[in-house]
Amino acid sequence: MQFAVFDLGLFSPAQSVAEIANYAQSAVVWLLDQQFTIEEEIRWLAMGVKACCTPDLEPQRLAAIVDVTTRGGIWVSSQAMPFVLNGLKQMSATQPAKTDALAVLTPQERKIACLVAQGESNKLIARHLNISDHTVKAHLGAIFGKLRLSDRMHLALFVNQEGNR
């Protein structure tokens, strides 16, 4: 697996779009810039970039991004997540109906999956359900295993597809 980080401050705008989009088709690509608008982040993710980050990442956040992207997922900022999920919801409305695949989850796991699909963070889910962040992470691990999903984005898409059936 090839992995590349591009600092957008070193590219001209016209050069960056074509070259980076092309490279993102065959490699895990992260983009660094001082700031991304929600529209820019969504545009880059739609072109195949796996993460849009600022250079001031904390070590924990960096480790999480590396983990998610090396397992095939994408990293979406908390600001862009509601917009991405809304787009996925609209897309999934046209999918054919299936059986309730969420039935394999416990009631608590279903609540957590639905909150993830709404774009909530682990911290907010923990507060909402009056459980610890660690418990949320444990439930997410079980959910990913039962549904054979790799990350939050796939879970959100899956739940939103199921909810429209």
N, C-alpha and C. Protein backbone atom coordinates (compact mmCIF):
# COMPACT_ATOMS: atom_id res chain seq x y z
N MET A 1 0.84 -1.17 0.00
CA MET A 1 0.00 0.00 0.00
C MET A 1 0.89 1.24 0.00
N GLN A 2 0.66 2.12 -0.94
CA GLN A 2 1.39 3.39 -0.98
C GLN A 2 0.66 4.41 -0.15
N PHE A 3 1.41 5.27 0.49
CA PHE A 3 0.87 6.27 1.39
C PHE A 3 1.56 7.59 1.09
N ALA A 4 0.81 8.68 0.94
CA ALA A 4 1.42 9.98 0.64
C ALA A 4 0.70 11.10 1.37
N VAL A 5 1.48 12.07 1.81
CA VAL A 5 0.94 13.27 2.45
C VAL A 5 1.37 14.46 1.59
N PHE A 6 0.42 15.26 1.16
CA PHE A 6 0.70 16.43 0.34
C PHE A 6 0.37 17.69 1.13
N ASP A 7 1.30 18.61 1.16
CA ASP A 7 1.09 19.92 1.77
C ASP A 7 0.59 20.84 0.66
N LEU A 8 -0.67 21.25 0.75
CA LEU A 8 -1.25 22.07 -0.32
C LEU A 8 -0.59 23.43 -0.44
N GLY A 9 0.11 23.86 0.60
CA GLY A 9 0.84 25.12 0.52
C GLY A 9 1.98 25.09 -0.49
N LEU A 10 2.37 23.89 -0.91
CA LEU A 10 3.47 23.75 -1.86
C LEU A 10 3.00 23.57 -3.30
N PHE A 11 1.69 23.54 -3.52
CA PHE A 11 1.14 23.31 -4.85
C PHE A 11 0.40 24.54 -5.34
N SER A 12 0.39 24.74 -6.65
CA SER A 12 -0.50 25.76 -7.22
C SER A 12 -1.88 25.12 -7.30
N PRO A 13 -2.95 25.91 -7.19
CA PRO A 13 -4.30 25.33 -7.18
C PRO A 13 -4.61 24.44 -8.38
N ALA A 14 -4.27 24.86 -9.58
CA ALA A 14 -4.57 24.06 -10.77
C ALA A 14 -3.78 22.76 -10.76
N GLN A 15 -2.53 22.83 -10.35
CA GLN A 15 -1.66 21.65 -10.31
C GLN A 15 -2.16 20.65 -9.27
N SER A 16 -2.57 21.13 -8.12
CA SER A 16 -2.92 20.23 -7.02
C SER A 16 -4.12 19.36 -7.33
N VAL A 17 -5.15 19.92 -7.89
CA VAL A 17 -6.37 19.15 -8.13
C VAL A 17 -6.11 17.97 -9.04
N ALA A 18 -5.53 18.21 -10.20
CA ALA A 18 -5.32 17.14 -11.17
C ALA A 18 -4.32 16.10 -10.67
N GLU A 19 -3.18 16.55 -10.17
CA GLU A 19 -2.14 15.61 -9.75
C GLU A 19 -2.55 14.80 -8.53
N ILE A 20 -3.12 15.45 -7.54
CA ILE A 20 -3.48 14.75 -6.31
C ILE A 20 -4.65 13.80 -6.55
N ALA A 21 -5.65 14.24 -7.30
CA ALA A 21 -6.79 13.36 -7.61
C ALA A 21 -6.31 12.11 -8.35
N ASN A 22 -5.38 12.27 -9.27
CA ASN A 22 -4.83 11.13 -10.00
C ASN A 22 -4.07 10.19 -9.05
N TYR A 23 -3.25 10.75 -8.21
CA TYR A 23 -2.46 9.94 -7.27
C TYR A 23 -3.37 9.22 -6.26
N ALA A 24 -4.46 9.85 -5.86
CA ALA A 24 -5.37 9.27 -4.87
C ALA A 24 -6.08 8.02 -5.37
N GLN A 25 -6.06 7.79 -6.67
CA GLN A 25 -6.71 6.60 -7.22
C GLN A 25 -5.92 5.33 -6.92
N SER A 26 -4.62 5.48 -6.63
CA SER A 26 -3.79 4.28 -6.40
C SER A 26 -3.05 4.29 -5.07
N ALA A 27 -3.28 5.30 -4.23
CA ALA A 27 -2.55 5.38 -2.96
C ALA A 27 -3.44 6.00 -1.88
N VAL A 28 -3.05 5.78 -0.64
CA VAL A 28 -3.70 6.44 0.49
C VAL A 28 -3.11 7.84 0.56
N VAL A 29 -3.95 8.85 0.32
CA VAL A 29 -3.47 10.23 0.26
C VAL A 29 -4.11 11.05 1.37
N TRP A 30 -3.26 11.77 2.07
CA TRP A 30 -3.69 12.78 3.05
C TRP A 30 -3.31 14.13 2.51
N LEU A 31 -4.11 15.13 2.81
CA LEU A 31 -3.78 16.50 2.45
C LEU A 31 -3.59 17.32 3.72
N LEU A 32 -2.58 18.17 3.71
CA LEU A 32 -2.34 19.11 4.79
C LEU A 32 -2.54 20.52 4.27
N ASP A 33 -3.19 21.34 5.06
CA ASP A 33 -3.32 22.76 4.75
C ASP A 33 -3.62 23.47 6.05
N GLN A 34 -3.42 24.76 6.07
CA GLN A 34 -3.67 25.52 7.30
C GLN A 34 -5.14 25.48 7.69
N GLN A 35 -6.02 25.33 6.69
CA GLN A 35 -7.45 25.33 6.94
C GLN A 35 -8.17 24.77 5.72
N PHE A 36 -9.22 23.99 5.96
CA PHE A 36 -10.08 23.49 4.90
C PHE A 36 -11.50 23.97 5.17
N THR A 37 -12.18 24.45 4.14
CA THR A 37 -13.61 24.69 4.30
C THR A 37 -14.30 23.33 4.21
N ILE A 38 -15.51 23.25 4.65
CA ILE A 38 -16.27 22.00 4.55
C ILE A 38 -16.40 21.58 3.09
N GLU A 39 -16.67 22.55 2.22
CA GLU A 39 -16.82 22.25 0.80
C GLU A 39 -15.54 21.69 0.21
N GLU A 40 -14.39 22.28 0.58
CA GLU A 40 -13.11 21.79 0.07
C GLU A 40 -12.85 20.36 0.55
N GLU A 41 -13.09 20.13 1.83
CA GLU A 41 -12.86 18.79 2.37
C GLU A 41 -13.73 17.76 1.66
N ILE A 42 -14.99 18.03 1.50
CA ILE A 42 -15.90 17.09 0.83
C ILE A 42 -15.48 16.87 -0.62
N ARG A 43 -15.06 17.94 -1.28
CA ARG A 43 -14.61 17.82 -2.68
C ARG A 43 -13.39 16.90 -2.77
N TRP A 44 -12.42 17.10 -1.88
CA TRP A 44 -11.22 16.26 -1.89
C TRP A 44 -11.56 14.81 -1.56
N LEU A 45 -12.40 14.59 -0.57
CA LEU A 45 -12.78 13.21 -0.21
C LEU A 45 -13.49 12.53 -1.38
N ALA A 46 -14.33 13.27 -2.09
CA ALA A 46 -15.02 12.71 -3.25
C ALA A 46 -14.05 12.32 -4.36
N MET A 47 -12.88 12.96 -4.40
CA MET A 47 -11.86 12.63 -5.40
C MET A 47 -10.97 11.48 -4.97
N GLY A 48 -11.19 10.94 -3.78
CA GLY A 48 -10.41 9.79 -3.34
C GLY A 48 -9.39 10.04 -2.26
N VAL A 49 -9.22 11.30 -1.84
CA VAL A 49 -8.31 11.61 -0.74
C VAL A 49 -8.89 10.99 0.53
N LYS A 50 -8.04 10.44 1.37
CA LYS A 50 -8.51 9.73 2.57
C LYS A 50 -8.61 10.61 3.81
N ALA A 51 -7.90 11.75 3.85
CA ALA A 51 -7.98 12.64 5.01
C ALA A 51 -7.51 14.03 4.64
N CYS A 52 -8.18 15.05 5.18
CA CYS A 52 -7.78 16.44 5.04
C CYS A 52 -7.49 16.95 6.44
N CYS A 53 -6.24 17.35 6.68
CA CYS A 53 -5.80 17.69 8.04
C CYS A 53 -5.06 19.01 8.07
N THR A 54 -5.02 19.59 9.27
CA THR A 54 -4.17 20.75 9.50
C THR A 54 -2.86 20.24 10.08
N PRO A 55 -1.77 20.99 9.92
CA PRO A 55 -0.47 20.48 10.36
C PRO A 55 -0.28 20.43 11.88
N ASP A 56 -1.21 20.96 12.65
CA ASP A 56 -1.06 21.00 14.10
C ASP A 56 -1.76 19.83 14.80
N LEU A 57 -1.72 18.65 14.18
CA LEU A 57 -2.38 17.48 14.74
C LEU A 57 -1.75 17.04 16.06
N GLU A 58 -2.59 16.68 17.00
CA GLU A 58 -2.11 16.09 18.25
C GLU A 58 -1.75 14.64 17.97
N PRO A 59 -0.80 14.07 18.71
CA PRO A 59 -0.37 12.68 18.47
C PRO A 59 -1.53 11.67 18.49
N GLN A 60 -2.48 11.83 19.40
CA GLN A 60 -3.62 10.89 19.46
C GLN A 60 -4.46 10.97 18.19
N ARG A 61 -4.71 12.17 17.72
CA ARG A 61 -5.52 12.36 16.51
C ARG A 61 -4.77 11.77 15.32
N LEU A 62 -3.48 12.02 15.25
CA LEU A 62 -2.66 11.48 14.16
C LEU A 62 -2.71 9.96 14.16
N ALA A 63 -2.59 9.34 15.33
CA ALA A 63 -2.65 7.88 15.43
C ALA A 63 -4.01 7.36 14.95
N ALA A 64 -5.08 8.05 15.32
CA ALA A 64 -6.43 7.62 14.90
C ALA A 64 -6.58 7.73 13.38
N ILE A 65 -6.08 8.81 12.80
CA ILE A 65 -6.17 8.99 11.35
C ILE A 65 -5.37 7.92 10.62
N VAL A 66 -4.17 7.64 11.10
CA VAL A 66 -3.35 6.59 10.50
C VAL A 66 -4.08 5.25 10.57
N ASP A 67 -4.65 4.94 11.73
CA ASP A 67 -5.36 3.67 11.91
C ASP A 67 -6.53 3.56 10.94
N VAL A 68 -7.37 4.57 10.89
CA VAL A 68 -8.56 4.54 10.03
C VAL A 68 -8.18 4.43 8.56
N THR A 69 -7.24 5.25 8.11
CA THR A 69 -6.91 5.28 6.68
C THR A 69 -6.12 4.07 6.22
N THR A 70 -5.29 3.50 7.08
CA THR A 70 -4.55 2.31 6.65
C THR A 70 -5.43 1.07 6.63
N ARG A 71 -6.60 1.14 7.30
CA ARG A 71 -7.55 0.02 7.24
C ARG A 71 -8.59 0.22 6.14
N GLY A 72 -8.36 1.22 5.28
CA GLY A 72 -9.25 1.41 4.13
C GLY A 72 -10.33 2.45 4.34
N GLY A 73 -10.39 3.07 5.50
CA GLY A 73 -11.41 4.06 5.77
C GLY A 73 -10.97 5.45 5.35
N ILE A 74 -11.88 6.40 5.56
CA ILE A 74 -11.56 7.80 5.32
C ILE A 74 -11.76 8.56 6.62
N TRP A 75 -11.04 9.66 6.76
CA TRP A 75 -11.15 10.50 7.94
C TRP A 75 -11.93 11.75 7.55
N VAL A 76 -13.05 11.97 8.21
CA VAL A 76 -13.88 13.12 7.94
C VAL A 76 -13.91 13.99 9.19
N SER A 77 -13.71 15.29 9.04
CA SER A 77 -13.73 16.17 10.21
C SER A 77 -15.12 16.20 10.82
N SER A 78 -15.18 16.56 12.08
CA SER A 78 -16.49 16.63 12.75
C SER A 78 -17.36 17.71 12.14
N GLN A 79 -16.75 18.75 11.56
CA GLN A 79 -17.53 19.81 10.91
C GLN A 79 -18.16 19.31 9.61
N ALA A 80 -17.46 18.48 8.88
CA ALA A 80 -17.96 18.01 7.58
C ALA A 80 -18.85 16.77 7.70
N MET A 81 -18.73 16.04 8.80
CA MET A 81 -19.48 14.78 8.95
C MET A 81 -20.99 14.92 8.72
N PRO A 82 -21.67 15.90 9.32
CA PRO A 82 -23.13 16.00 9.06
C PRO A 82 -23.47 16.18 7.58
N PHE A 83 -22.65 16.91 6.85
CA PHE A 83 -22.89 17.12 5.42
C PHE A 83 -22.66 15.83 4.62
N VAL A 84 -21.62 15.10 4.98
CA VAL A 84 -21.34 13.83 4.32
C VAL A 84 -22.46 12.85 4.60
N LEU A 85 -22.89 12.77 5.85
CA LEU A 85 -23.97 11.84 6.20
C LEU A 85 -25.28 12.20 5.51
N ASN A 86 -25.57 13.49 5.39
CA ASN A 86 -26.78 13.91 4.69
C ASN A 86 -26.71 13.48 3.23
N GLY A 87 -25.54 13.63 2.61
CA GLY A 87 -25.38 13.18 1.23
C GLY A 87 -25.55 11.68 1.10
N LEU A 88 -25.00 10.94 2.06
CA LEU A 88 -25.15 9.49 2.04
C LEU A 88 -26.61 9.08 2.23
N LYS A 89 -27.31 9.80 3.09
CA LYS A 89 -28.73 9.52 3.31
C LYS A 89 -29.53 9.70 2.02
N GLN A 90 -29.26 10.80 1.34
CA GLN A 90 -29.96 11.07 0.09
C GLN A 90 -29.63 10.01 -0.96
N MET A 91 -28.35 9.61 -1.01
CA MET A 91 -27.92 8.58 -1.96
C MET A 91 -28.60 7.25 -1.65
N SER A 92 -28.67 6.91 -0.38
CA SER A 92 -29.18 5.59 0.00
C SER A 92 -30.68 5.48 -0.17
N ALA A 93 -31.39 6.58 -0.31
CA ALA A 93 -32.84 6.53 -0.47
C ALA A 93 -33.24 5.81 -1.76
N THR A 94 -32.33 5.73 -2.72
CA THR A 94 -32.65 5.08 -3.99
C THR A 94 -32.26 3.61 -4.02
N GLN A 95 -31.67 3.09 -2.93
CA GLN A 95 -31.22 1.69 -2.89
C GLN A 95 -32.41 0.75 -2.69
N PRO A 96 -32.34 -0.48 -3.22
CA PRO A 96 -33.43 -1.44 -3.04
C PRO A 96 -33.51 -1.91 -1.58
N ALA A 97 -34.70 -2.33 -1.17
CA ALA A 97 -34.94 -2.75 0.22
C ALA A 97 -34.25 -4.08 0.53
N LYS A 98 -33.84 -4.24 1.79
CA LYS A 98 -33.24 -5.48 2.29
C LYS A 98 -33.91 -5.83 3.61
N THR A 99 -33.52 -6.96 4.16
CA THR A 99 -34.00 -7.30 5.49
C THR A 99 -33.31 -6.41 6.51
N ASP A 100 -33.83 -6.36 7.73
CA ASP A 100 -33.26 -5.52 8.78
C ASP A 100 -31.94 -6.12 9.28
N ALA A 101 -30.84 -5.70 8.69
CA ALA A 101 -29.53 -6.22 9.06
C ALA A 101 -29.09 -5.73 10.43
N LEU A 102 -29.72 -4.69 10.95
CA LEU A 102 -29.36 -4.19 12.27
C LEU A 102 -29.91 -5.08 13.39
N ALA A 103 -30.73 -6.06 13.03
CA ALA A 103 -31.32 -6.95 14.03
C ALA A 103 -30.25 -7.79 14.74
N VAL A 104 -29.06 -7.92 14.16
CA VAL A 104 -28.00 -8.69 14.81
C VAL A 104 -27.37 -7.92 15.97
N LEU A 105 -27.68 -6.63 16.08
CA LEU A 105 -27.12 -5.80 17.13
C LEU A 105 -28.01 -5.83 18.38
N THR A 106 -27.39 -5.63 19.53
CA THR A 106 -28.16 -5.49 20.77
C THR A 106 -28.86 -4.14 20.73
N PRO A 107 -29.86 -3.93 21.58
CA PRO A 107 -30.53 -2.61 21.60
C PRO A 107 -29.54 -1.45 21.83
N GLN A 108 -28.58 -1.63 22.75
CA GLN A 108 -27.60 -0.58 23.02
C GLN A 108 -26.71 -0.35 21.80
N GLU A 109 -26.31 -1.41 21.14
CA GLU A 109 -25.49 -1.27 19.93
C GLU A 109 -26.26 -0.55 18.83
N ARG A 110 -27.56 -0.84 18.71
CA ARG A 110 -28.38 -0.14 17.71
C ARG A 110 -28.45 1.35 18.01
N LYS A 111 -28.61 1.70 19.30
CA LYS A 111 -28.64 3.13 19.68
C LYS A 111 -27.33 3.80 19.29
N ILE A 112 -26.23 3.14 19.60
CA ILE A 112 -24.91 3.71 19.29
C ILE A 112 -24.74 3.83 17.78
N ALA A 113 -25.12 2.81 17.03
CA ALA A 113 -25.00 2.85 15.57
C ALA A 113 -25.81 4.01 14.99
N CYS A 114 -27.01 4.21 15.51
CA CYS A 114 -27.86 5.30 15.03
C CYS A 114 -27.25 6.67 15.36
N LEU A 115 -26.66 6.80 16.53
CA LEU A 115 -26.02 8.06 16.90
C LEU A 115 -24.78 8.33 16.03
N VAL A 116 -24.04 7.28 15.72
CA VAL A 116 -22.90 7.43 14.80
C VAL A 116 -23.42 7.90 13.43
N ALA A 117 -24.52 7.32 12.98
CA ALA A 117 -25.10 7.68 11.69
C ALA A 117 -25.57 9.13 11.65
N GLN A 118 -25.83 9.71 12.83
CA GLN A 118 -26.23 11.12 12.91
C GLN A 118 -25.02 12.04 13.02
N GLY A 119 -23.81 11.44 13.05
CA GLY A 119 -22.60 12.23 13.09
C GLY A 119 -22.08 12.55 14.47
N GLU A 120 -22.62 11.89 15.50
CA GLU A 120 -22.20 12.16 16.87
C GLU A 120 -20.82 11.56 17.15
N SER A 121 -20.03 12.23 17.97
CA SER A 121 -18.72 11.74 18.38
C SER A 121 -18.89 10.72 19.52
N ASN A 122 -17.83 9.97 19.80
CA ASN A 122 -17.88 9.01 20.91
C ASN A 122 -18.20 9.72 22.22
N LYS A 123 -17.63 10.88 22.41
CA LYS A 123 -17.85 11.62 23.66
C LYS A 123 -19.32 12.00 23.81
N LEU A 124 -19.94 12.49 22.74
CA LEU A 124 -21.36 12.86 22.80
C LEU A 124 -22.26 11.64 22.95
N ILE A 125 -21.89 10.55 22.30
CA ILE A 125 -22.67 9.31 22.45
C ILE A 125 -22.60 8.85 23.90
N ALA A 126 -21.41 8.89 24.49
CA ALA A 126 -21.24 8.48 25.89
C ALA A 126 -22.10 9.34 26.80
N ARG A 127 -22.10 10.65 26.59
CA ARG A 127 -22.93 11.54 27.41
C ARG A 127 -24.40 11.23 27.23
N HIS A 128 -24.81 11.07 25.98
CA HIS A 128 -26.22 10.83 25.68
C HIS A 128 -26.73 9.54 26.33
N LEU A 129 -25.91 8.49 26.33
CA LEU A 129 -26.32 7.19 26.86
C LEU A 129 -25.85 6.96 28.30
N ASN A 130 -25.17 7.97 28.87
CA ASN A 130 -24.68 7.88 30.24
C ASN A 130 -23.76 6.67 30.45
N ILE A 131 -22.82 6.52 29.52
CA ILE A 131 -21.81 5.46 29.60
C ILE A 131 -20.45 6.10 29.35
N SER A 132 -19.37 5.36 29.53
CA SER A 132 -18.04 5.91 29.33
C SER A 132 -17.65 5.88 27.85
N ASP A 133 -16.66 6.72 27.50
CA ASP A 133 -16.11 6.70 26.14
C ASP A 133 -15.57 5.31 25.81
N HIS A 134 -14.93 4.69 26.81
CA HIS A 134 -14.36 3.35 26.62
C HIS A 134 -15.46 2.34 26.26
N THR A 135 -16.60 2.45 26.92
CA THR A 135 -17.72 1.55 26.63
C THR A 135 -18.25 1.78 25.21
N VAL A 136 -18.30 3.03 24.79
CA VAL A 136 -18.73 3.33 23.42
C VAL A 136 -17.77 2.67 22.43
N LYS A 137 -16.47 2.81 22.68
CA LYS A 137 -15.47 2.19 21.78
C LYS A 137 -15.63 0.68 21.74
N ALA A 138 -15.89 0.07 22.90
CA ALA A 138 -16.07 -1.39 22.95
C ALA A 138 -17.30 -1.80 22.15
N HIS A 139 -18.39 -1.05 22.29
CA HIS A 139 -19.60 -1.35 21.52
C HIS A 139 -19.34 -1.18 20.02
N LEU A 140 -18.61 -0.13 19.66
CA LEU A 140 -18.31 0.09 18.24
C LEU A 140 -17.50 -1.06 17.67
N GLY A 141 -16.55 -1.57 18.45
CA GLY A 141 -15.78 -2.73 17.99
C GLY A 141 -16.68 -3.92 17.73
N ALA A 142 -17.63 -4.15 18.63
CA ALA A 142 -18.58 -5.26 18.46
C ALA A 142 -19.48 -5.02 17.24
N ILE A 143 -19.92 -3.79 17.07
CA ILE A 143 -20.78 -3.44 15.93
C ILE A 143 -20.04 -3.66 14.61
N PHE A 144 -18.80 -3.16 14.52
CA PHE A 144 -18.02 -3.33 13.30
C PHE A 144 -17.84 -4.82 12.99
N GLY A 145 -17.59 -5.62 14.02
CA GLY A 145 -17.41 -7.05 13.82
C GLY A 145 -18.68 -7.74 13.35
N LYS A 146 -19.79 -7.45 14.01
CA LYS A 146 -21.07 -8.09 13.65
C LYS A 146 -21.53 -7.72 12.25
N LEU A 147 -21.33 -6.46 11.89
CA LEU A 147 -21.80 -5.99 10.58
C LEU A 147 -20.73 -6.08 9.49
N ARG A 148 -19.53 -6.51 9.89
CA ARG A 148 -18.39 -6.63 8.97
C ARG A 148 -18.09 -5.31 8.27
N LEU A 149 -18.00 -4.27 9.09
CA LEU A 149 -17.69 -2.93 8.59
C LEU A 149 -16.34 -2.51 9.15
N SER A 150 -15.67 -1.59 8.45
CA SER A 150 -14.31 -1.22 8.86
C SER A 150 -14.23 0.08 9.64
N ASP A 151 -15.22 0.98 9.52
CA ASP A 151 -15.09 2.27 10.18
C ASP A 151 -16.43 2.96 10.33
N ARG A 152 -16.41 4.12 10.97
CA ARG A 152 -17.62 4.90 11.26
C ARG A 152 -18.36 5.33 10.00
N MET A 153 -17.61 5.70 8.98
CA MET A 153 -18.25 6.16 7.75
C MET A 153 -19.07 5.04 7.12
N HIS A 154 -18.49 3.84 7.06
CA HIS A 154 -19.23 2.71 6.51
C HIS A 154 -20.43 2.37 7.40
N LEU A 155 -20.26 2.48 8.70
CA LEU A 155 -21.39 2.24 9.62
C LEU A 155 -22.49 3.26 9.38
N ALA A 156 -22.14 4.53 9.25
CA ALA A 156 -23.14 5.57 9.02
C ALA A 156 -23.90 5.33 7.72
N LEU A 157 -23.18 4.99 6.67
CA LEU A 157 -23.83 4.69 5.40
C LEU A 157 -24.77 3.49 5.54
N PHE A 158 -24.28 2.45 6.20
CA PHE A 158 -25.06 1.24 6.39
C PHE A 158 -26.35 1.53 7.16
N VAL A 159 -26.23 2.24 8.27
CA VAL A 159 -27.41 2.55 9.10
C VAL A 159 -28.38 3.43 8.34
N ASN A 160 -27.86 4.40 7.62
CA ASN A 160 -28.76 5.28 6.85
C ASN A 160 -29.46 4.54 5.73
N GLN A 161 -28.79 3.55 5.12
CA GLN A 161 -29.43 2.72 4.10
C GLN A 161 -30.53 1.89 4.73
N GLU A 162 -30.23 1.28 5.88
CA GLU A 162 -31.23 0.44 6.56
C GLU A 162 -32.43 1.25 7.01
N GLY A 163 -32.17 2.49 7.46
CA GLY A 163 -33.24 3.34 7.96
C GLY A 163 -34.20 3.78 6.88
N ASN A 164 -33.79 3.73 5.64
CA ASN A 164 -34.65 4.15 4.53
C ASN A 164 -35.38 2.99 3.88
N ARG A 165 -35.40 1.86 4.54
CA ARG A 165 -36.04 0.68 3.94
C ARG A 165 -37.32 0.36 4.65
